[in-house]
């Protein structure tokens, strides 16, 4: 695990806010720009920070995975559209 660079409290807070909101890629980009670290090193550091934050403040993580529910909703719309088109053409 790489040693985290010296970050200001403001930088650490900005990374934390991005992680809380589910914007990990944005946080990785910001860390890379601020520190000059590579992609893997930055990701490893932010993974560790995210794990710490999830332990201390799990309620602050607002981004929920909605991929499953979006897929179901999309499938329902497709099926209902098909049924509607079929019934209109009959």
PDB file of N, CA and C in Angstrom:
ATOM      1  N   UNK A   1       0.857  -1.178   0.000  1.00  0.00           N
ATOM      2  CA  UNK A   1       0.000   0.000   0.000  1.00  0.00           C
ATOM      3  C   UNK A   1       0.892   1.227   0.000  1.00  0.00           C
ATOM      4  N   UNK A   2       0.670   2.144  -0.940  1.00  0.00           N
ATOM      5  CA  UNK A   2       1.486   3.340  -0.995  1.00  0.00           C
ATOM      6  C   UNK A   2       1.215   4.244   0.201  1.00  0.00           C
ATOM      7  N   UNK A   3       2.208   5.015   0.550  1.00  0.00           N
ATOM      8  CA  UNK A   3       2.043   5.975   1.624  1.00  0.00           C
ATOM      9  C   UNK A   3       1.230   7.148   1.102  1.00  0.00           C
ATOM     10  N   UNK A   4       0.160   7.506   1.801  1.00  0.00           N
ATOM     11  CA  UNK A   4      -0.647   8.626   1.326  1.00  0.00           C
ATOM     12  C   UNK A   4       0.178   9.913   1.323  1.00  0.00           C
ATOM     13  N   UNK A   5      -0.029  10.735   0.315  1.00  0.00           N
ATOM     14  CA  UNK A   5       0.680  12.017   0.283  1.00  0.00           C
ATOM     15  C   UNK A   5       0.157  12.922   1.383  1.00  0.00           C
ATOM     16  N   UNK A   6       0.934  13.940   1.719  1.00  0.00           N
ATOM     17  CA  UNK A   6       0.476  14.922   2.690  1.00  0.00           C
ATOM     18  C   UNK A   6      -0.651  15.721   2.055  1.00  0.00           C
ATOM     19  N   UNK A   7      -1.833  15.592   2.586  1.00  0.00           N
ATOM     20  CA  UNK A   7      -2.993  16.303   2.062  1.00  0.00           C
ATOM     21  C   UNK A   7      -3.436  17.344   3.074  1.00  0.00           C
ATOM     22  N   UNK A   8      -3.905  18.451   2.565  1.00  0.00           N
ATOM     23  CA  UNK A   8      -4.469  19.460   3.456  1.00  0.00           C
ATOM     24  C   UNK A   8      -5.818  18.945   3.956  1.00  0.00           C
ATOM     25  N   UNK A   9      -6.287  19.472   5.084  1.00  0.00           N
ATOM     26  CA  UNK A   9      -7.628  19.072   5.546  1.00  0.00           C
ATOM     27  C   UNK A   9      -8.700  19.360   4.499  1.00  0.00           C
ATOM     28  N   UNK A  10      -8.523  20.430   3.733  1.00  0.00           N
ATOM     29  CA  UNK A  10      -9.500  20.769   2.700  1.00  0.00           C
ATOM     30  C   UNK A  10      -9.509  19.730   1.579  1.00  0.00           C
ATOM     31  N   UNK A  11      -8.314  19.271   1.184  1.00  0.00           N
ATOM     32  CA  UNK A  11      -8.230  18.239   0.145  1.00  0.00           C
ATOM     33  C   UNK A  11      -8.856  16.941   0.641  1.00  0.00           C
ATOM     34  N   UNK A  12      -8.521  16.546   1.853  1.00  0.00           N
ATOM     35  CA  UNK A  12      -9.087  15.312   2.410  1.00  0.00           C
ATOM     36  C   UNK A  12     -10.611  15.402   2.469  1.00  0.00           C
ATOM     37  N   UNK A  13     -11.126  16.560   2.868  1.00  0.00           N
ATOM     38  CA  UNK A  13     -12.576  16.736   2.925  1.00  0.00           C
ATOM     39  C   UNK A  13     -13.194  16.660   1.535  1.00  0.00           C
ATOM     40  N   UNK A  14     -12.525  17.240   0.540  1.00  0.00           N
ATOM     41  CA  UNK A  14     -13.039  17.192  -0.832  1.00  0.00           C
ATOM     42  C   UNK A  14     -13.094  15.747  -1.326  1.00  0.00           C
ATOM     43  N   UNK A  15     -12.064  14.962  -1.019  1.00  0.00           N
ATOM     44  CA  UNK A  15     -12.060  13.546  -1.415  1.00  0.00           C
ATOM     45  C   UNK A  15     -13.180  12.797  -0.691  1.00  0.00           C
ATOM     46  N   UNK A  16     -13.346  13.090   0.588  1.00  0.00           N
ATOM     47  CA  UNK A  16     -14.396  12.427   1.368  1.00  0.00           C
ATOM     48  C   UNK A  16     -15.774  12.752   0.797  1.00  0.00           C
ATOM     49  N   UNK A  17     -16.017  14.018   0.474  1.00  0.00           N
ATOM     50  CA  UNK A  17     -17.322  14.414  -0.073  1.00  0.00           C
ATOM     51  C   UNK A  17     -17.589  13.726  -1.404  1.00  0.00           C
ATOM     52  N   UNK A  18     -16.568  13.628  -2.237  1.00  0.00           N
ATOM     53  CA  UNK A  18     -16.730  12.936  -3.518  1.00  0.00           C
ATOM     54  C   UNK A  18     -17.059  11.467  -3.284  1.00  0.00           C
ATOM     55  N   UNK A  19     -16.393  10.843  -2.321  1.00  0.00           N
ATOM     56  CA  UNK A  19     -16.672   9.428  -2.025  1.00  0.00           C
ATOM     57  C   UNK A  19     -18.067   9.253  -1.442  1.00  0.00           C
ATOM     58  N   UNK A  20     -18.466  10.147  -0.543  1.00  0.00           N
ATOM     59  CA  UNK A  20     -19.816  10.066   0.026  1.00  0.00           C
ATOM     60  C   UNK A  20     -20.874  10.124  -1.065  1.00  0.00           C
ATOM     61  N   UNK A  21     -20.623  10.926  -2.102  1.00  0.00           N
ATOM     62  CA  UNK A  21     -21.603  11.119  -3.177  1.00  0.00           C
ATOM     63  C   UNK A  21     -21.479  10.075  -4.281  1.00  0.00           C
ATOM     64  N   UNK A  22     -20.560   9.119  -4.126  1.00  0.00           N
ATOM     65  CA  UNK A  22     -20.420   8.073  -5.133  1.00  0.00           C
ATOM     66  C   UNK A  22     -19.600   8.494  -6.336  1.00  0.00           C
ATOM     67  N   UNK A  23     -18.782   9.532  -6.191  1.00  0.00           N
ATOM     68  CA  UNK A  23     -17.974  10.026  -7.303  1.00  0.00           C
ATOM     69  C   UNK A  23     -16.512   9.624  -7.109  1.00  0.00           C
ATOM     70  N   UNK A  24     -16.264   8.332  -7.031  1.00  0.00           N
ATOM     71  CA  UNK A  24     -14.918   7.831  -6.764  1.00  0.00           C
ATOM     72  C   UNK A  24     -13.949   8.172  -7.891  1.00  0.00           C
ATOM     73  N   UNK A  25     -14.382   8.076  -9.127  1.00  0.00           N
ATOM     74  CA  UNK A  25     -13.501   8.375 -10.255  1.00  0.00           C
ATOM     75  C   UNK A  25     -13.049   9.832 -10.190  1.00  0.00           C
ATOM     76  N   UNK A  26     -13.971  10.717  -9.862  1.00  0.00           N
ATOM     77  CA  UNK A  26     -13.614  12.134  -9.703  1.00  0.00           C
ATOM     78  C   UNK A  26     -12.567  12.297  -8.603  1.00  0.00           C
ATOM     79  N   UNK A  27     -12.745  11.613  -7.486  1.00  0.00           N
ATOM     80  CA  UNK A  27     -11.790  11.699  -6.379  1.00  0.00           C
ATOM     81  C   UNK A  27     -10.422  11.169  -6.798  1.00  0.00           C
ATOM     82  N   UNK A  28     -10.399  10.080  -7.549  1.00  0.00           N
ATOM     83  CA  UNK A  28      -9.127   9.518  -8.022  1.00  0.00           C
ATOM     84  C   UNK A  28      -8.415  10.525  -8.918  1.00  0.00           C
ATOM     85  N   UNK A  29      -9.154  11.136  -9.835  1.00  0.00           N
ATOM     86  CA  UNK A  29      -8.555  12.140 -10.728  1.00  0.00           C
ATOM     87  C   UNK A  29      -7.980  13.298  -9.923  1.00  0.00           C
ATOM     88  N   UNK A  30      -8.727  13.766  -8.937  1.00  0.00           N
ATOM     89  CA  UNK A  30      -8.271  14.889  -8.117  1.00  0.00           C
ATOM     90  C   UNK A  30      -7.012  14.514  -7.334  1.00  0.00           C
ATOM     91  N   UNK A  31      -6.987  13.312  -6.785  1.00  0.00           N
ATOM     92  CA  UNK A  31      -5.816  12.883  -6.022  1.00  0.00           C
ATOM     93  C   UNK A  31      -4.601  12.771  -6.934  1.00  0.00           C
ATOM     94  N   UNK A  32      -4.794  12.237  -8.115  1.00  0.00           N
ATOM     95  CA  UNK A  32      -3.677  12.118  -9.063  1.00  0.00           C
ATOM     96  C   UNK A  32      -3.116  13.495  -9.414  1.00  0.00           C
ATOM     97  N   UNK A  33      -4.000  14.443  -9.652  1.00  0.00           N
ATOM     98  CA  UNK A  33      -3.557  15.804  -9.986  1.00  0.00           C
ATOM     99  C   UNK A  33      -2.842  16.462  -8.813  1.00  0.00           C
ATOM    100  N   UNK A  34      -3.356  16.261  -7.608  1.00  0.00           N
ATOM    101  CA  UNK A  34      -2.789  16.911  -6.426  1.00  0.00           C
ATOM    102  C   UNK A  34      -1.470  16.288  -5.993  1.00  0.00           C
ATOM    103  N   UNK A  35      -1.298  14.992  -6.257  1.00  0.00           N
ATOM    104  CA  UNK A  35      -0.150  14.280  -5.696  1.00  0.00           C
ATOM    105  C   UNK A  35       0.875  13.817  -6.725  1.00  0.00           C
ATOM    106  N   UNK A  36       0.452  13.671  -7.970  1.00  0.00           N
ATOM    107  CA  UNK A  36       1.346  13.121  -8.984  1.00  0.00           C
ATOM    108  C   UNK A  36       1.441  11.606  -8.932  1.00  0.00           C
ATOM    109  N   UNK A  37       0.626  10.965  -8.115  1.00  0.00           N
ATOM    110  CA  UNK A  37       0.615   9.503  -8.021  1.00  0.00           C
ATOM    111  C   UNK A  37      -0.009   8.896  -9.269  1.00  0.00           C
ATOM    112  N   UNK A  38       0.252   7.615  -9.467  1.00  0.00           N
ATOM    113  CA  UNK A  38      -0.342   6.886 -10.565  1.00  0.00           C
ATOM    114  C   UNK A  38      -1.775   6.482 -10.256  1.00  0.00           C
ATOM    115  N   UNK A  39      -2.420   5.904 -11.255  1.00  0.00           N
ATOM    116  CA  UNK A  39      -3.813   5.490 -11.124  1.00  0.00           C
ATOM    117  C   UNK A  39      -3.997   4.451 -10.024  1.00  0.00           C
ATOM    118  N   UNK A  40      -3.201   3.391 -10.041  1.00  0.00           N
ATOM    119  CA  UNK A  40      -3.358   2.315  -9.053  1.00  0.00           C
ATOM    120  C   UNK A  40      -3.109   2.817  -7.641  1.00  0.00           C
ATOM    121  N   UNK A  41      -2.050   3.614  -7.470  1.00  0.00           N
ATOM    122  CA  UNK A  41      -1.732   4.124  -6.138  1.00  0.00           C
ATOM    123  C   UNK A  41      -2.849   5.021  -5.619  1.00  0.00           C
ATOM    124  N   UNK A  42      -3.362   5.874  -6.488  1.00  0.00           N
ATOM    125  CA  UNK A  42      -4.446   6.770  -6.085  1.00  0.00           C
ATOM    126  C   UNK A  42      -5.696   5.984  -5.729  1.00  0.00           C
ATOM    127  N   UNK A  43      -6.013   4.993  -6.540  1.00  0.00           N
ATOM    128  CA  UNK A  43      -7.195   4.170  -6.264  1.00  0.00           C
ATOM    129  C   UNK A  43      -7.038   3.423  -4.950  1.00  0.00           C
ATOM    130  N   UNK A  44      -5.872   2.861  -4.701  1.00  0.00           N
ATOM    131  CA  UNK A  44      -5.638   2.130  -3.453  1.00  0.00           C
ATOM    132  C   UNK A  44      -5.813   3.033  -2.238  1.00  0.00           C
ATOM    133  N   UNK A  45      -5.282   4.246  -2.328  1.00  0.00           N
ATOM    134  CA  UNK A  45      -5.395   5.192  -1.209  1.00  0.00           C
ATOM    135  C   UNK A  45      -6.858   5.547  -0.971  1.00  0.00           C
ATOM    136  N   UNK A  46      -7.593   5.824  -2.045  1.00  0.00           N
ATOM    137  CA  UNK A  46      -8.994   6.211  -1.883  1.00  0.00           C
ATOM    138  C   UNK A  46      -9.875   5.033  -1.482  1.00  0.00           C
ATOM    139  N   UNK A  47      -9.521   3.818  -1.892  1.00  0.00           N
ATOM    140  CA  UNK A  47     -10.244   2.634  -1.407  1.00  0.00           C
ATOM    141  C   UNK A  47     -10.103   2.520   0.100  1.00  0.00           C
ATOM    142  N   UNK A  48      -8.896   2.759   0.592  1.00  0.00           N
ATOM    143  CA  UNK A  48      -8.653   2.695   2.039  1.00  0.00           C
ATOM    144  C   UNK A  48      -9.429   3.801   2.756  1.00  0.00           C
ATOM    145  N   UNK A  49      -9.380   5.018   2.202  1.00  0.00           N
ATOM    146  CA  UNK A  49     -10.123   6.129   2.796  1.00  0.00           C
ATOM    147  C   UNK A  49     -11.620   5.837   2.797  1.00  0.00           C
ATOM    148  N   UNK A  50     -12.127   5.293   1.699  1.00  0.00           N
ATOM    149  CA  UNK A  50     -13.551   4.970   1.624  1.00  0.00           C
ATOM    150  C   UNK A  50     -13.941   3.937   2.668  1.00  0.00           C
ATOM    151  N   UNK A  51     -13.111   2.924   2.861  1.00  0.00           N
ATOM    152  CA  UNK A  51     -13.399   1.900   3.873  1.00  0.00           C
ATOM    153  C   UNK A  51     -13.448   2.526   5.266  1.00  0.00           C
ATOM    154  N   UNK A  52     -12.516   3.435   5.549  1.00  0.00           N
ATOM    155  CA  UNK A  52     -12.520   4.121   6.842  1.00  0.00           C
ATOM    156  C   UNK A  52     -13.777   4.965   7.013  1.00  0.00           C
ATOM    157  N   UNK A  53     -14.127   5.702   5.971  1.00  0.00           N
ATOM    158  CA  UNK A  53     -15.306   6.566   6.034  1.00  0.00           C
ATOM    159  C   UNK A  53     -16.590   5.745   6.179  1.00  0.00           C
ATOM    160  N   UNK A  54     -16.671   4.614   5.500  1.00  0.00           N
ATOM    161  CA  UNK A  54     -17.864   3.766   5.614  1.00  0.00           C
ATOM    162  C   UNK A  54     -18.011   3.196   7.020  1.00  0.00           C
ATOM    163  N   UNK A  55     -16.893   2.981   7.689  1.00  0.00           N
ATOM    164  CA  UNK A  55     -16.940   2.483   9.066  1.00  0.00           C
ATOM    165  C   UNK A  55     -17.422   3.574  10.017  1.00  0.00           C
ATOM    166  N   UNK A  56     -16.908   4.787   9.822  1.00  0.00           N
ATOM    167  CA  UNK A  56     -17.213   5.893  10.725  1.00  0.00           C
ATOM    168  C   UNK A  56     -18.563   6.546  10.415  1.00  0.00           C
ATOM    169  N   UNK A  57     -18.858   6.746   9.135  1.00  0.00           N
ATOM    170  CA  UNK A  57     -20.076   7.463   8.723  1.00  0.00           C
ATOM    171  C   UNK A  57     -20.831   6.723   7.622  1.00  0.00           C
ATOM    172  N   UNK A  58     -21.334   5.527   7.862  1.00  0.00           N
ATOM    173  CA  UNK A  58     -22.012   4.790   6.780  1.00  0.00           C
ATOM    174  C   UNK A  58     -23.251   5.514   6.257  1.00  0.00           C
ATOM    175  N   UNK A  59     -23.893   6.310   7.099  1.00  0.00           N
ATOM    176  CA  UNK A  59     -25.115   7.007   6.689  1.00  0.00           C
ATOM    177  C   UNK A  59     -24.859   8.126   5.682  1.00  0.00           C
ATOM    178  N   UNK A  60     -23.616   8.562   5.562  1.00  0.00           N
ATOM    179  CA  UNK A  60     -23.295   9.675   4.664  1.00  0.00           C
ATOM    180  C   UNK A  60     -23.175   9.253   3.213  1.00  0.00           C
ATOM    181  N   UNK A  61     -23.104   7.969   2.951  1.00  0.00           N
ATOM    182  CA  UNK A  61     -22.955   7.501   1.578  1.00  0.00           C
ATOM    183  C   UNK A  61     -24.318   7.514   0.917  1.00  0.00           C
ATOM    184  N   UNK A  62     -24.485   8.453  -0.025  1.00  0.00           N
ATOM    185  CA  UNK A  62     -25.798   8.677  -0.629  1.00  0.00           C
ATOM    186  C   UNK A  62     -26.011   7.934  -1.924  1.00  0.00           C
ATOM    187  N   UNK A  63     -24.932   7.612  -2.629  1.00  0.00           N
ATOM    188  CA  UNK A  63     -25.083   6.966  -3.931  1.00  0.00           C
ATOM    189  C   UNK A  63     -25.509   5.524  -3.736  1.00  0.00           C
ATOM    190  N   UNK A  64     -26.641   5.198  -4.269  1.00  0.00           N
ATOM    191  CA  UNK A  64     -27.152   3.834  -4.212  1.00  0.00           C
ATOM    192  C   UNK A  64     -27.049   3.237  -5.602  1.00  0.00           C
ATOM    193  N   UNK A  65     -26.770   1.978  -5.657  1.00  0.00           N
ATOM    194  CA  UNK A  65     -26.720   1.315  -6.950  1.00  0.00           C
ATOM    195  C   UNK A  65     -28.134   1.139  -7.455  1.00  0.00           C
ATOM    196  N   UNK A  66     -28.427   1.729  -8.586  1.00  0.00           N
ATOM    197  CA  UNK A  66     -29.769   1.634  -9.155  1.00  0.00           C
ATOM    198  C   UNK A  66     -29.754   0.889 -10.482  1.00  0.00           C
ATOM    199  N   UNK A  67     -28.648   0.243 -10.788  1.00  0.00           N
ATOM    200  CA  UNK A  67     -28.550  -0.448 -12.068  1.00  0.00           C
ATOM    201  C   UNK A  67     -29.607  -1.534 -12.188  1.00  0.00           C
ATOM    202  N   UNK A  68     -29.835  -2.278 -11.145  1.00  0.00           N
ATOM    203  CA  UNK A  68     -30.819  -3.350 -11.180  1.00  0.00           C
ATOM    204  C   UNK A  68     -32.226  -2.825 -11.365  1.00  0.00           C
ATOM    205  N   UNK A  69     -32.593  -1.796 -10.609  1.00  0.00           N
ATOM    206  CA  UNK A  69     -33.941  -1.260 -10.716  1.00  0.00           C
ATOM    207  C   UNK A  69     -34.160  -0.562 -12.054  1.00  0.00           C
ATOM    208  N   UNK A  70     -33.143   0.061 -12.609  1.00  0.00           N
ATOM    209  CA  UNK A  70     -33.272   0.685 -13.928  1.00  0.00           C
ATOM    210  C   UNK A  70     -33.479  -0.372 -15.001  1.00  0.00           C
ATOM    211  N   UNK A  71     -32.786  -1.482 -14.877  1.00  0.00           N
ATOM    212  CA  UNK A  71     -32.934  -2.552 -15.857  1.00  0.00           C
ATOM    213  C   UNK A  71     -34.346  -3.132 -15.800  1.00  0.00           C
ATOM    214  N   UNK A  72     -34.866  -3.309 -14.612  1.00  0.00           N
ATOM    215  CA  UNK A  72     -36.219  -3.846 -14.458  1.00  0.00           C
ATOM    216  C   UNK A  72     -37.237  -2.863 -15.029  1.00  0.00           C
ATOM    217  N   UNK A  73     -37.091  -1.591 -14.709  1.00  0.00           N
ATOM    218  CA  UNK A  73     -38.016  -0.579 -15.216  1.00  0.00           C
ATOM    219  C   UNK A  73     -37.961  -0.516 -16.742  1.00  0.00           C
ATOM    220  N   UNK A  74     -36.770  -0.585 -17.291  1.00  0.00           N
ATOM    221  CA  UNK A  74     -36.620  -0.558 -18.746  1.00  0.00           C
ATOM    222  C   UNK A  74     -37.296  -1.768 -19.387  1.00  0.00           C
ATOM    223  N   UNK A  75     -37.119  -2.915 -18.785  1.00  0.00           N
ATOM    224  CA  UNK A  75     -37.734  -4.138 -19.318  1.00  0.00           C
ATOM    225  C   UNK A  75     -39.256  -4.038 -19.265  1.00  0.00           C
ATOM    226  N   UNK A  76     -39.791  -3.508 -18.193  1.00  0.00           N
ATOM    227  CA  UNK A  76     -41.249  -3.351 -18.076  1.00  0.00           C
ATOM    228  C   UNK A  76     -41.763  -2.419 -19.167  1.00  0.00           C
ATOM    229  N   UNK A  77     -41.052  -1.330 -19.396  1.00  0.00           N
ATOM    230  CA  UNK A  77     -41.463  -0.382 -20.436  1.00  0.00           C
ATOM    231  C   UNK A  77     -41.442  -1.040 -21.812  1.00  0.00           C
ATOM    232  N   UNK A  78     -40.409  -1.805 -22.098  1.00  0.00           N
ATOM    233  CA  UNK A  78     -40.304  -2.488 -23.387  1.00  0.00           C
ATOM    234  C   UNK A  78     -41.455  -3.474 -23.560  1.00  0.00           C
ATOM    235  N   UNK A  79     -41.732  -4.259 -22.537  1.00  0.00           N
ATOM    236  CA  UNK A  79     -42.810  -5.248 -22.619  1.00  0.00           C
ATOM    237  C   UNK A  79     -44.155  -4.555 -22.781  1.00  0.00           C
ATOM    238  N   UNK A  80     -44.400  -3.513 -22.002  1.00  0.00           N
ATOM    239  CA  UNK A  80     -45.682  -2.814 -22.093  1.00  0.00           C
ATOM    240  C   UNK A  80     -45.844  -2.148 -23.465  1.00  0.00           C
ATOM    241  N   UNK A  81     -44.778  -1.602 -24.007  1.00  0.00           N
ATOM    242  CA  UNK A  81     -44.832  -1.014 -25.340  1.00  0.00           C
ATOM    243  C   UNK A  81     -45.153  -2.085 -26.376  1.00  0.00           C
ATOM    244  N   UNK A  82     -44.514  -3.236 -26.247  1.00  0.00           N
ATOM    245  CA  UNK A  82     -44.795  -4.344 -27.162  1.00  0.00           C
ATOM    246  C   UNK A  82     -46.250  -4.786 -27.090  1.00  0.00           C
ATOM    247  N   UNK A  83     -46.771  -4.896 -25.884  1.00  0.00           N
ATOM    248  CA  UNK A  83     -48.176  -5.299 -25.705  1.00  0.00           C
ATOM    249  C   UNK A  83     -49.100  -4.251 -26.319  1.00  0.00           C
ATOM    250  N   UNK A  84     -48.803  -2.989 -26.101  1.00  0.00           N
ATOM    251  CA  UNK A  84     -49.630  -1.919 -26.648  1.00  0.00           C
ATOM    252  C   UNK A  84     -49.606  -1.938 -28.173  1.00  0.00           C
ATOM    253  N   UNK A  85     -48.437  -2.056 -28.755  1.00  0.00           N
ATOM    254  CA  UNK A  85     -48.327  -2.108 -30.212  1.00  0.00           C
ATOM    255  C   UNK A  85     -49.054  -3.328 -30.778  1.00  0.00           C
ATOM    256  N   UNK A  86     -48.895  -4.482 -30.122  1.00  0.00           N
ATOM    257  CA  UNK A  86     -49.571  -5.695 -30.572  1.00  0.00           C
ATOM    258  C   UNK A  86     -51.094  -5.522 -30.528  1.00  0.00           C
ATOM    259  N   UNK A  87     -51.588  -4.923 -29.420  1.00  0.00           N
ATOM    260  CA  UNK A  87     -53.041  -4.783 -29.303  1.00  0.00           C
ATOM    261  C   UNK A  87     -53.583  -3.753 -30.290  1.00  0.00           C
ATOM    262  N   UNK A  88     -52.816  -2.744 -30.655  1.00  0.00           N
ATOM    263  CA  UNK A  88     -53.268  -1.745 -31.621  1.00  0.00           C
ATOM    264  C   UNK A  88     -53.280  -2.308 -33.043  1.00  0.00           C
ATOM    265  N   UNK A  89     -52.383  -3.207 -33.347  1.00  0.00           N
ATOM    266  CA  UNK A  89     -52.288  -3.756 -34.688  1.00  0.00           C
ATOM    267  C   UNK A  89     -53.247  -4.927 -34.910  1.00  0.00           C
ATOM    268  N   UNK A  90     -53.804  -5.421 -33.880  1.00  0.00           N
ATOM    269  CA  UNK A  90     -54.734  -6.558 -33.994  1.00  0.00           C
ATOM    270  C   UNK A  90     -56.036  -6.183 -34.525  1.00  0.00           C
TER     271      UNK A  90
END
